[in-house]
């Protein structure tokens, strides 16, 4: 869907079970957020301490409204201690340009 947004937040944790538990807790708090299509926890195949939460949003406005709202900090609190501090900016936001692969 053109106009949709993907958000990637980078985490690091030597205890993968603790990261997974924090994700499950945050995930429960995200149920019903307007504009949130899906989210998932990804674990690096090369580095077992590296994780990414990838989320899909209907549009940048929906993501921005949630990010500016009061629920954002509370919902993501369980994961905050795992933010990847090695990175200057531990997240990335991308607008979907070609949802169908662009005719490749």
PDB file of N, CA and C in Angstrom:
ATOM      1  N   UNK A   1       0.844  -1.171   0.000  1.00  0.00           N
ATOM      2  CA  UNK A   1       0.000   0.000   0.000  1.00  0.00           C
ATOM      3  C   UNK A   1       0.894   1.241   0.000  1.00  0.00           C
ATOM      4  N   UNK A   2       0.847   2.021  -1.054  1.00  0.00           N
ATOM      5  CA  UNK A   2       1.646   3.241  -1.135  1.00  0.00           C
ATOM      6  C   UNK A   2       1.160   4.183  -0.051  1.00  0.00           C
ATOM      7  N   UNK A   3       2.095   4.802   0.634  1.00  0.00           N
ATOM      8  CA  UNK A   3       1.766   5.690   1.737  1.00  0.00           C
ATOM      9  C   UNK A   3       1.920   5.015   3.081  1.00  0.00           C
ATOM     10  N   UNK A   4       1.971   3.681   3.082  1.00  0.00           N
ATOM     11  CA  UNK A   4       2.165   2.998   4.352  1.00  0.00           C
ATOM     12  C   UNK A   4       3.610   3.185   4.815  1.00  0.00           C
ATOM     13  N   UNK A   5       3.844   2.869   6.067  1.00  0.00           N
ATOM     14  CA  UNK A   5       5.132   3.146   6.702  1.00  0.00           C
ATOM     15  C   UNK A   5       5.626   1.897   7.414  1.00  0.00           C
ATOM     16  N   UNK A   6       6.931   1.688   7.369  1.00  0.00           N
ATOM     17  CA  UNK A   6       7.580   0.617   8.136  1.00  0.00           C
ATOM     18  C   UNK A   6       8.525   1.274   9.138  1.00  0.00           C
ATOM     19  N   UNK A   7       8.467   0.801  10.370  1.00  0.00           N
ATOM     20  CA  UNK A   7       9.317   1.338  11.432  1.00  0.00           C
ATOM     21  C   UNK A   7      10.161   0.200  11.974  1.00  0.00           C
ATOM     22  N   UNK A   8      11.453   0.449  12.126  1.00  0.00           N
ATOM     23  CA  UNK A   8      12.395  -0.529  12.656  1.00  0.00           C
ATOM     24  C   UNK A   8      13.069   0.068  13.885  1.00  0.00           C
ATOM     25  N   UNK A   9      12.983  -0.638  15.012  1.00  0.00           N
ATOM     26  CA  UNK A   9      13.633  -0.185  16.237  1.00  0.00           C
ATOM     27  C   UNK A   9      14.625  -1.266  16.631  1.00  0.00           C
ATOM     28  N   UNK A  10      15.876  -0.850  16.853  1.00  0.00           N
ATOM     29  CA  UNK A  10      16.982  -1.781  17.071  1.00  0.00           C
ATOM     30  C   UNK A  10      17.247  -1.977  18.564  1.00  0.00           C
ATOM     31  N   UNK A  11      17.367  -3.240  18.938  1.00  0.00           N
ATOM     32  CA  UNK A  11      17.586  -3.607  20.334  1.00  0.00           C
ATOM     33  C   UNK A  11      18.787  -4.529  20.448  1.00  0.00           C
ATOM     34  N   UNK A  12      19.324  -4.597  21.665  1.00  0.00           N
ATOM     35  CA  UNK A  12      20.465  -5.463  21.934  1.00  0.00           C
ATOM     36  C   UNK A  12      20.280  -6.055  23.321  1.00  0.00           C
ATOM     37  N   UNK A  13      20.469  -7.356  23.415  1.00  0.00           N
ATOM     38  CA  UNK A  13      20.331  -7.996  24.717  1.00  0.00           C
ATOM     39  C   UNK A  13      21.028  -9.337  24.742  1.00  0.00           C
ATOM     40  N   UNK A  14      21.839  -9.554  25.763  1.00  0.00           N
ATOM     41  CA  UNK A  14      22.545 -10.828  25.887  1.00  0.00           C
ATOM     42  C   UNK A  14      21.611 -11.937  26.366  1.00  0.00           C
ATOM     43  N   UNK A  15      20.488 -11.557  26.964  1.00  0.00           N
ATOM     44  CA  UNK A  15      19.484 -12.525  27.405  1.00  0.00           C
ATOM     45  C   UNK A  15      18.290 -12.439  26.452  1.00  0.00           C
ATOM     46  N   UNK A  16      18.316 -13.284  25.428  1.00  0.00           N
ATOM     47  CA  UNK A  16      17.257 -13.266  24.423  1.00  0.00           C
ATOM     48  C   UNK A  16      15.881 -13.509  25.016  1.00  0.00           C
ATOM     49  N   UNK A  17      15.801 -14.330  26.053  1.00  0.00           N
ATOM     50  CA  UNK A  17      14.505 -14.597  26.677  1.00  0.00           C
ATOM     51  C   UNK A  17      13.933 -13.328  27.311  1.00  0.00           C
ATOM     52  N   UNK A  18      14.799 -12.500  27.888  1.00  0.00           N
ATOM     53  CA  UNK A  18      14.351 -11.246  28.493  1.00  0.00           C
ATOM     54  C   UNK A  18      13.849 -10.279  27.419  1.00  0.00           C
ATOM     55  N   UNK A  19      14.532 -10.244  26.288  1.00  0.00           N
ATOM     56  CA  UNK A  19      14.087  -9.389  25.178  1.00  0.00           C
ATOM     57  C   UNK A  19      12.730  -9.881  24.678  1.00  0.00           C
ATOM     58  N   UNK A  20      12.584 -11.177  24.512  1.00  0.00           N
ATOM     59  CA  UNK A  20      11.317 -11.743  24.038  1.00  0.00           C
ATOM     60  C   UNK A  20      10.173 -11.457  25.010  1.00  0.00           C
ATOM     61  N   UNK A  21      10.446 -11.574  26.306  1.00  0.00           N
ATOM     62  CA  UNK A  21       9.420 -11.293  27.317  1.00  0.00           C
ATOM     63  C   UNK A  21       9.017  -9.817  27.276  1.00  0.00           C
ATOM     64  N   UNK A  22       9.983  -8.928  27.117  1.00  0.00           N
ATOM     65  CA  UNK A  22       9.690  -7.499  27.022  1.00  0.00           C
ATOM     66  C   UNK A  22       8.874  -7.209  25.768  1.00  0.00           C
ATOM     67  N   UNK A  23       9.208  -7.883  24.670  1.00  0.00           N
ATOM     68  CA  UNK A  23       8.447  -7.706  23.433  1.00  0.00           C
ATOM     69  C   UNK A  23       7.003  -8.162  23.616  1.00  0.00           C
ATOM     70  N   UNK A  24       6.801  -9.316  24.246  1.00  0.00           N
ATOM     71  CA  UNK A  24       5.436  -9.813  24.465  1.00  0.00           C
ATOM     72  C   UNK A  24       4.619  -8.813  25.293  1.00  0.00           C
ATOM     73  N   UNK A  25       5.258  -8.237  26.305  1.00  0.00           N
ATOM     74  CA  UNK A  25       4.573  -7.252  27.148  1.00  0.00           C
ATOM     75  C   UNK A  25       4.218  -5.997  26.336  1.00  0.00           C
ATOM     76  N   UNK A  26       5.169  -5.506  25.573  1.00  0.00           N
ATOM     77  CA  UNK A  26       4.916  -4.328  24.734  1.00  0.00           C
ATOM     78  C   UNK A  26       3.865  -4.645  23.679  1.00  0.00           C
ATOM     79  N   UNK A  27       3.937  -5.833  23.120  1.00  0.00           N
ATOM     80  CA  UNK A  27       2.997  -6.254  22.089  1.00  0.00           C
ATOM     81  C   UNK A  27       1.562  -6.220  22.599  1.00  0.00           C
ATOM     82  N   UNK A  28       1.358  -6.659  23.812  1.00  0.00           N
ATOM     83  CA  UNK A  28       0.013  -6.650  24.391  1.00  0.00           C
ATOM     84  C   UNK A  28      -0.508  -5.222  24.514  1.00  0.00           C
ATOM     85  N   UNK A  29       0.376  -4.281  24.825  1.00  0.00           N
ATOM     86  CA  UNK A  29      -0.026  -2.876  24.969  1.00  0.00           C
ATOM     87  C   UNK A  29      -0.331  -2.221  23.625  1.00  0.00           C
ATOM     88  N   UNK A  30       0.117  -2.835  22.531  1.00  0.00           N
ATOM     89  CA  UNK A  30      -0.088  -2.252  21.203  1.00  0.00           C
ATOM     90  C   UNK A  30      -1.395  -2.697  20.542  1.00  0.00           C
ATOM     91  N   UNK A  31      -2.081  -3.644  21.147  1.00  0.00           N
ATOM     92  CA  UNK A  31      -3.336  -4.131  20.555  1.00  0.00           C
ATOM     93  C   UNK A  31      -4.328  -2.979  20.401  1.00  0.00           C
ATOM     94  N   UNK A  32      -4.864  -2.864  19.207  1.00  0.00           N
ATOM     95  CA  UNK A  32      -5.889  -1.860  18.965  1.00  0.00           C
ATOM     96  C   UNK A  32      -5.396  -0.463  18.668  1.00  0.00           C
ATOM     97  N   UNK A  33      -4.082  -0.271  18.532  1.00  0.00           N
ATOM     98  CA  UNK A  33      -3.563   1.059  18.205  1.00  0.00           C
ATOM     99  C   UNK A  33      -4.018   1.431  16.796  1.00  0.00           C
ATOM    100  N   UNK A  34      -4.693   2.567  16.643  1.00  0.00           N
ATOM    101  CA  UNK A  34      -5.165   2.973  15.311  1.00  0.00           C
ATOM    102  C   UNK A  34      -4.014   3.121  14.318  1.00  0.00           C
ATOM    103  N   UNK A  35      -4.161   2.503  13.166  1.00  0.00           N
ATOM    104  CA  UNK A  35      -3.157   2.611  12.105  1.00  0.00           C
ATOM    105  C   UNK A  35      -2.068   1.561  12.141  1.00  0.00           C
ATOM    106  N   UNK A  36      -1.937   0.836  13.236  1.00  0.00           N
ATOM    107  CA  UNK A  36      -0.908  -0.207  13.329  1.00  0.00           C
ATOM    108  C   UNK A  36      -1.428  -1.457  12.629  1.00  0.00           C
ATOM    109  N   UNK A  37      -0.736  -1.869  11.582  1.00  0.00           N
ATOM    110  CA  UNK A  37      -1.145  -3.038  10.807  1.00  0.00           C
ATOM    111  C   UNK A  37      -0.580  -4.307  11.428  1.00  0.00           C
ATOM    112  N   UNK A  38       0.723  -4.291  11.735  1.00  0.00           N
ATOM    113  CA  UNK A  38       1.371  -5.466  12.308  1.00  0.00           C
ATOM    114  C   UNK A  38       2.702  -5.062  12.920  1.00  0.00           C
ATOM    115  N   UNK A  39       3.240  -5.981  13.711  1.00  0.00           N
ATOM    116  CA  UNK A  39       4.584  -5.796  14.260  1.00  0.00           C
ATOM    117  C   UNK A  39       5.153  -7.168  14.571  1.00  0.00           C
ATOM    118  N   UNK A  40       6.478  -7.252  14.544  1.00  0.00           N
ATOM    119  CA  UNK A  40       7.121  -8.536  14.836  1.00  0.00           C
ATOM    120  C   UNK A  40       8.517  -8.301  15.391  1.00  0.00           C
ATOM    121  N   UNK A  41       8.976  -9.266  16.164  1.00  0.00           N
ATOM    122  CA  UNK A  41      10.325  -9.240  16.708  1.00  0.00           C
ATOM    123  C   UNK A  41      11.208 -10.093  15.814  1.00  0.00           C
ATOM    124  N   UNK A  42      12.293  -9.505  15.348  1.00  0.00           N
ATOM    125  CA  UNK A  42      13.254 -10.224  14.509  1.00  0.00           C
ATOM    126  C   UNK A  42      14.551 -10.398  15.283  1.00  0.00           C
ATOM    127  N   UNK A  43      15.158 -11.574  15.171  1.00  0.00           N
ATOM    128  CA  UNK A  43      16.444 -11.852  15.802  1.00  0.00           C
ATOM    129  C   UNK A  43      17.468 -12.043  14.693  1.00  0.00           C
ATOM    130  N   UNK A  44      18.610 -11.406  14.853  1.00  0.00           N
ATOM    131  CA  UNK A  44      19.662 -11.506  13.850  1.00  0.00           C
ATOM    132  C   UNK A  44      20.137 -12.942  13.700  1.00  0.00           C
ATOM    133  N   UNK A  45      20.345 -13.357  12.474  1.00  0.00           N
ATOM    134  CA  UNK A  45      20.893 -14.688  12.206  1.00  0.00           C
ATOM    135  C   UNK A  45      22.403 -14.710  12.426  1.00  0.00           C
ATOM    136  N   UNK A  46      23.032 -13.537  12.414  1.00  0.00           N
ATOM    137  CA  UNK A  46      24.485 -13.457  12.598  1.00  0.00           C
ATOM    138  C   UNK A  46      24.896 -13.115  14.025  1.00  0.00           C
ATOM    139  N   UNK A  47      24.039 -12.380  14.749  1.00  0.00           N
ATOM    140  CA  UNK A  47      24.394 -11.900  16.084  1.00  0.00           C
ATOM    141  C   UNK A  47      23.224 -12.183  17.024  1.00  0.00           C
ATOM    142  N   UNK A  48      23.342 -13.179  17.902  1.00  0.00           N
ATOM    143  CA  UNK A  48      22.218 -13.549  18.763  1.00  0.00           C
ATOM    144  C   UNK A  48      21.851 -12.483  19.801  1.00  0.00           C
ATOM    145  N   UNK A  49      22.618 -11.415  19.896  1.00  0.00           N
ATOM    146  CA  UNK A  49      22.280 -10.331  20.820  1.00  0.00           C
ATOM    147  C   UNK A  49      21.560  -9.179  20.115  1.00  0.00           C
ATOM    148  N   UNK A  50      21.400  -9.257  18.808  1.00  0.00           N
ATOM    149  CA  UNK A  50      20.797  -8.173  18.032  1.00  0.00           C
ATOM    150  C   UNK A  50      19.355  -8.513  17.653  1.00  0.00           C
ATOM    151  N   UNK A  51      18.454  -7.575  17.928  1.00  0.00           N
ATOM    152  CA  UNK A  51      17.033  -7.744  17.654  1.00  0.00           C
ATOM    153  C   UNK A  51      16.495  -6.479  16.988  1.00  0.00           C
ATOM    154  N   UNK A  52      15.410  -6.649  16.259  1.00  0.00           N
ATOM    155  CA  UNK A  52      14.712  -5.522  15.638  1.00  0.00           C
ATOM    156  C   UNK A  52      13.218  -5.749  15.827  1.00  0.00           C
ATOM    157  N   UNK A  53      12.515  -4.701  16.219  1.00  0.00           N
ATOM    158  CA  UNK A  53      11.065  -4.749  16.162  1.00  0.00           C
ATOM    159  C   UNK A  53      10.679  -4.002  14.897  1.00  0.00           C
ATOM    160  N   UNK A  54      10.006  -4.704  14.001  1.00  0.00           N
ATOM    161  CA  UNK A  54       9.554  -4.135  12.738  1.00  0.00           C
ATOM    162  C   UNK A  54       8.039  -3.980  12.815  1.00  0.00           C
ATOM    163  N   UNK A  55       7.568  -2.780  12.524  1.00  0.00           N
ATOM    164  CA  UNK A  55       6.122  -2.564  12.527  1.00  0.00           C
ATOM    165  C   UNK A  55       5.680  -1.934  11.220  1.00  0.00           C
ATOM    166  N   UNK A  56       4.449  -2.216  10.850  1.00  0.00           N
ATOM    167  CA  UNK A  56       3.836  -1.667   9.640  1.00  0.00           C
ATOM    168  C   UNK A  56       2.659  -0.811  10.054  1.00  0.00           C
ATOM    169  N   UNK A  57       2.565   0.358   9.439  1.00  0.00           N
ATOM    170  CA  UNK A  57       1.517   1.331   9.750  1.00  0.00           C
ATOM    171  C   UNK A  57       0.788   1.724   8.478  1.00  0.00           C
ATOM    172  N   UNK A  58      -0.462   2.088   8.608  1.00  0.00           N
ATOM    173  CA  UNK A  58      -1.250   2.474   7.439  1.00  0.00           C
ATOM    174  C   UNK A  58      -0.670   3.700   6.749  1.00  0.00           C
ATOM    175  N   UNK A  59      -0.154   4.640   7.541  1.00  0.00           N
ATOM    176  CA  UNK A  59       0.418   5.863   6.974  1.00  0.00           C
ATOM    177  C   UNK A  59       1.258   6.572   8.029  1.00  0.00           C
ATOM    178  N   UNK A  60       2.027   7.546   7.573  1.00  0.00           N
ATOM    179  CA  UNK A  60       2.925   8.268   8.466  1.00  0.00           C
ATOM    180  C   UNK A  60       2.139   9.049   9.517  1.00  0.00           C
ATOM    181  N   UNK A  61       0.980   9.535   9.157  1.00  0.00           N
ATOM    182  CA  UNK A  61       0.174  10.311  10.094  1.00  0.00           C
ATOM    183  C   UNK A  61      -0.261   9.457  11.285  1.00  0.00           C
ATOM    184  N   UNK A  62      -0.677   8.225  11.019  1.00  0.00           N
ATOM    185  CA  UNK A  62      -1.097   7.324  12.102  1.00  0.00           C
ATOM    186  C   UNK A  62       0.084   7.005  13.009  1.00  0.00           C
ATOM    187  N   UNK A  63       1.232   6.706  12.411  1.00  0.00           N
ATOM    188  CA  UNK A  63       2.408   6.427  13.228  1.00  0.00           C
ATOM    189  C   UNK A  63       2.796   7.655  14.045  1.00  0.00           C
ATOM    190  N   UNK A  64       2.823   8.816  13.411  1.00  0.00           N
ATOM    191  CA  UNK A  64       3.199  10.049  14.110  1.00  0.00           C
ATOM    192  C   UNK A  64       2.266  10.380  15.253  1.00  0.00           C
ATOM    193  N   UNK A  65       0.974  10.192  15.044  1.00  0.00           N
ATOM    194  CA  UNK A  65       0.004  10.460  16.107  1.00  0.00           C
ATOM    195  C   UNK A  65       0.253   9.547  17.303  1.00  0.00           C
ATOM    196  N   UNK A  66       0.514   8.269  17.034  1.00  0.00           N
ATOM    197  CA  UNK A  66       0.799   7.340  18.128  1.00  0.00           C
ATOM    198  C   UNK A  66       2.110   7.705  18.813  1.00  0.00           C
ATOM    199  N   UNK A  67       3.130   8.025  18.032  1.00  0.00           N
ATOM    200  CA  UNK A  67       4.440   8.339  18.600  1.00  0.00           C
ATOM    201  C   UNK A  67       4.380   9.589  19.482  1.00  0.00           C
ATOM    202  N   UNK A  68       3.580  10.557  19.121  1.00  0.00           N
ATOM    203  CA  UNK A  68       3.452  11.793  19.905  1.00  0.00           C
ATOM    204  C   UNK A  68       2.523  11.627  21.100  1.00  0.00           C
ATOM    205  N   UNK A  69       1.702  10.587  21.078  1.00  0.00           N
ATOM    206  CA  UNK A  69       0.711  10.396  22.135  1.00  0.00           C
ATOM    207  C   UNK A  69       1.298   9.862  23.429  1.00  0.00           C
ATOM    208  N   UNK A  70       0.499   9.936  24.465  1.00  0.00           N
ATOM    209  CA  UNK A  70       0.922   9.484  25.796  1.00  0.00           C
ATOM    210  C   UNK A  70       1.133   7.976  25.874  1.00  0.00           C
ATOM    211  N   UNK A  71       0.411   7.205  25.070  1.00  0.00           N
ATOM    212  CA  UNK A  71       0.499   5.747  25.148  1.00  0.00           C
ATOM    213  C   UNK A  71       1.815   5.198  24.598  1.00  0.00           C
ATOM    214  N   UNK A  72       2.485   5.959  23.757  1.00  0.00           N
ATOM    215  CA  UNK A  72       3.731   5.497  23.119  1.00  0.00           C
ATOM    216  C   UNK A  72       4.781   5.095  24.151  1.00  0.00           C
ATOM    217  N   UNK A  73       5.071   5.975  25.079  1.00  0.00           N
ATOM    218  CA  UNK A  73       6.132   5.694  26.059  1.00  0.00           C
ATOM    219  C   UNK A  73       5.754   4.534  26.973  1.00  0.00           C
ATOM    220  N   UNK A  74       4.527   4.470  27.384  1.00  0.00           N
ATOM    221  CA  UNK A  74       4.094   3.382  28.271  1.00  0.00           C
ATOM    222  C   UNK A  74       4.132   2.040  27.545  1.00  0.00           C
ATOM    223  N   UNK A  75       3.675   2.023  26.301  1.00  0.00           N
ATOM    224  CA  UNK A  75       3.624   0.762  25.551  1.00  0.00           C
ATOM    225  C   UNK A  75       5.010   0.210  25.266  1.00  0.00           C
ATOM    226  N   UNK A  76       5.967   1.081  25.010  1.00  0.00           N
ATOM    227  CA  UNK A  76       7.315   0.631  24.646  1.00  0.00           C
ATOM    228  C   UNK A  76       8.267   0.543  25.838  1.00  0.00           C
ATOM    229  N   UNK A  77       7.801   0.908  27.019  1.00  0.00           N
ATOM    230  CA  UNK A  77       8.656   0.911  28.215  1.00  0.00           C
ATOM    231  C   UNK A  77       9.365  -0.421  28.473  1.00  0.00           C
ATOM    232  N   UNK A  78       8.692  -1.568  28.326  1.00  0.00           N
ATOM    233  CA  UNK A  78       9.382  -2.833  28.622  1.00  0.00           C
ATOM    234  C   UNK A  78      10.625  -3.068  27.763  1.00  0.00           C
ATOM    235  N   UNK A  79      10.629  -2.557  26.550  1.00  0.00           N
ATOM    236  CA  UNK A  79      11.760  -2.777  25.641  1.00  0.00           C
ATOM    237  C   UNK A  79      12.847  -1.704  25.754  1.00  0.00           C
ATOM    238  N   UNK A  80      12.522  -0.582  26.351  1.00  0.00           N
ATOM    239  CA  UNK A  80      13.432   0.569  26.333  1.00  0.00           C
ATOM    240  C   UNK A  80      14.834   0.240  26.841  1.00  0.00           C
ATOM    241  N   UNK A  81      14.957  -0.560  27.862  1.00  0.00           N
ATOM    242  CA  UNK A  81      16.286  -0.861  28.412  1.00  0.00           C
ATOM    243  C   UNK A  81      17.146  -1.674  27.446  1.00  0.00           C
ATOM    244  N   UNK A  82      16.518  -2.230  26.410  1.00  0.00           N
ATOM    245  CA  UNK A  82      17.260  -3.021  25.429  1.00  0.00           C
ATOM    246  C   UNK A  82      17.624  -2.231  24.171  1.00  0.00           C
ATOM    247  N   UNK A  83      17.271  -0.945  24.106  1.00  0.00           N
ATOM    248  CA  UNK A  83      17.619  -0.142  22.928  1.00  0.00           C
ATOM    249  C   UNK A  83      19.104  -0.287  22.642  1.00  0.00           C
ATOM    250  N   UNK A  84      19.453  -0.398  21.380  1.00  0.00           N
ATOM    251  CA  UNK A  84      20.856  -0.586  20.983  1.00  0.00           C
ATOM    252  C   UNK A  84      21.602   0.734  21.118  1.00  0.00           C
ATOM    253  N   UNK A  85      22.329   0.884  22.215  1.00  0.00           N
ATOM    254  CA  UNK A  85      23.049   2.108  22.524  1.00  0.00           C
ATOM    255  C   UNK A  85      24.271   2.352  21.658  1.00  0.00           C
ATOM    256  N   UNK A  86      24.647   1.367  20.856  1.00  0.00           N
ATOM    257  CA  UNK A  86      25.785   1.563  19.953  1.00  0.00           C
ATOM    258  C   UNK A  86      25.422   2.479  18.794  1.00  0.00           C
ATOM    259  N   UNK A  87      24.131   2.606  18.560  1.00  0.00           N
ATOM    260  CA  UNK A  87      23.663   3.382  17.411  1.00  0.00           C
ATOM    261  C   UNK A  87      23.299   4.804  17.840  1.00  0.00           C
ATOM    262  N   UNK A  88      23.688   5.771  17.033  1.00  0.00           N
ATOM    263  CA  UNK A  88      23.339   7.164  17.333  1.00  0.00           C
ATOM    264  C   UNK A  88      21.819   7.335  17.332  1.00  0.00           C
ATOM    265  N   UNK A  89      21.162   6.721  16.356  1.00  0.00           N
ATOM    266  CA  UNK A  89      19.702   6.728  16.263  1.00  0.00           C
ATOM    267  C   UNK A  89      19.254   5.271  16.183  1.00  0.00           C
ATOM    268  N   UNK A  90      18.656   4.744  17.258  1.00  0.00           N
ATOM    269  CA  UNK A  90      18.330   3.311  17.297  1.00  0.00           C
ATOM    270  C   UNK A  90      17.003   2.939  16.631  1.00  0.00           C
ATOM    271  N   UNK A  91      16.598   3.697  15.634  1.00  0.00           N
ATOM    272  CA  UNK A  91      15.370   3.380  14.913  1.00  0.00           C
ATOM    273  C   UNK A  91      15.448   3.956  13.504  1.00  0.00           C
ATOM    274  N   UNK A  92      14.559   3.470  12.646  1.00  0.00           N
ATOM    275  CA  UNK A  92      14.465   3.980  11.279  1.00  0.00           C
ATOM    276  C   UNK A  92      13.002   3.929  10.855  1.00  0.00           C
ATOM    277  N   UNK A  93      12.594   4.929  10.073  1.00  0.00           N
ATOM    278  CA  UNK A  93      11.228   5.010   9.568  1.00  0.00           C
ATOM    279  C   UNK A  93      11.306   5.116   8.049  1.00  0.00           C
ATOM    280  N   UNK A  94      10.584   4.229   7.359  1.00  0.00           N
ATOM    281  CA  UNK A  94      10.595   4.201   5.896  1.00  0.00           C
ATOM    282  C   UNK A  94       9.172   4.280   5.362  1.00  0.00           C
ATOM    283  N   UNK A  95       8.972   5.089   4.351  1.00  0.00           N
ATOM    284  CA  UNK A  95       7.693   5.111   3.624  1.00  0.00           C
ATOM    285  C   UNK A  95       7.777   4.042   2.543  1.00  0.00           C
ATOM    286  N   UNK A  96       6.697   3.306   2.338  1.00  0.00           N
ATOM    287  CA  UNK A  96       6.664   2.284   1.297  1.00  0.00           C
ATOM    288  C   UNK A  96       6.505   2.988  -0.047  1.00  0.00           C
ATOM    289  N   UNK A  97       7.417   2.708  -0.951  1.00  0.00           N
ATOM    290  CA  UNK A  97       7.411   3.327  -2.274  1.00  0.00           C
ATOM    291  C   UNK A  97       6.787   2.408  -3.307  1.00  0.00           C
ATOM    292  N   UNK A  98       7.141   1.142  -3.272  1.00  0.00           N
ATOM    293  CA  UNK A  98       6.640   0.161  -4.249  1.00  0.00           C
ATOM    294  C   UNK A  98       6.222  -1.108  -3.525  1.00  0.00           C
ATOM    295  N   UNK A  99       4.973  -1.155  -3.104  1.00  0.00           N
ATOM    296  CA  UNK A  99       4.509  -2.308  -2.319  1.00  0.00           C
ATOM    297  C   UNK A  99       4.453  -3.618  -3.113  1.00  0.00           C
ATOM    298  N   UNK A 100       4.447  -3.522  -4.422  1.00  0.00           N
ATOM    299  CA  UNK A 100       4.315  -4.739  -5.226  1.00  0.00           C
ATOM    300  C   UNK A 100       5.640  -5.220  -5.797  1.00  0.00           C
ATOM    301  N   UNK A 101       6.726  -4.669  -5.316  1.00  0.00           N
ATOM    302  CA  UNK A 101       8.035  -5.036  -5.845  1.00  0.00           C
ATOM    303  C   UNK A 101       8.438  -4.203  -7.047  1.00  0.00           C
ATOM    304  N   UNK A 102       7.596  -3.292  -7.439  1.00  0.00           N
ATOM    305  CA  UNK A 102       7.935  -2.381  -8.506  1.00  0.00           C
ATOM    306  C   UNK A 102       8.054  -3.019  -9.876  1.00  0.00           C
ATOM    307  N   UNK A 103       7.479  -4.174 -10.069  1.00  0.00           N
ATOM    308  CA  UNK A 103       7.499  -4.813 -11.368  1.00  0.00           C
ATOM    309  C   UNK A 103       8.806  -5.507 -11.694  1.00  0.00           C
ATOM    310  N   UNK A 104       9.543  -5.915 -10.672  1.00  0.00           N
ATOM    311  CA  UNK A 104      10.834  -6.589 -10.912  1.00  0.00           C
ATOM    312  C   UNK A 104      10.613  -7.915 -11.580  1.00  0.00           C
TER     313      UNK A 104
END
